[in-house]
Amino acid sequence: MDHAMLTMNEGIGGLAMEPTDLDTYALFRKLPLRALMAQLSTIQRLLTEAVDHMSRLDYDAAAELAPQIEQHSHEFRAAAEKIAAGMHPAMCTRERSLHLSSFHLICVAIVVAAVALVAFLVPVRHKPKVN
């Protein structure tokens, strides 16, 4: 059961690393969240049942639930990884924009004006033709 809990935590950890915001919310709603929550509910029910058997010192019944708990925890991790992988296209297609303040724009304008003045005010020196 400890291994099943570690497996579930790996899936949860993968989901926790995915950022959520308004841009990813619509995509997040399209992913199979109900299946993930159903797996989580099944695992919680089986774990509660196993702990209940252990509290009554019925270790055989608790041990019979261990393979089911293990199987459902692997399915939960696979579903969580699928959801986390489905979130990556949203991160790649986000709109990016460059925000420049008026100070930056003034600095760029001054540099452009200085380069233009130098280009126009420096006399062009023609090399004399020697035969």
Foldseek 3Di string as FASTA:
>chain_A
DVVLVVLLVLLVVLLVPQDDDPLQPVLLVVAPPVVLVVLVVVLVVLVVVLVVCVVVVNNVVSVVSVVVNNVSSNVNSVSSVVSSVSSVVSVVPDDDDDDDDVVVVVVVVVVVVVVVCVVPVDDDDDDDDDD
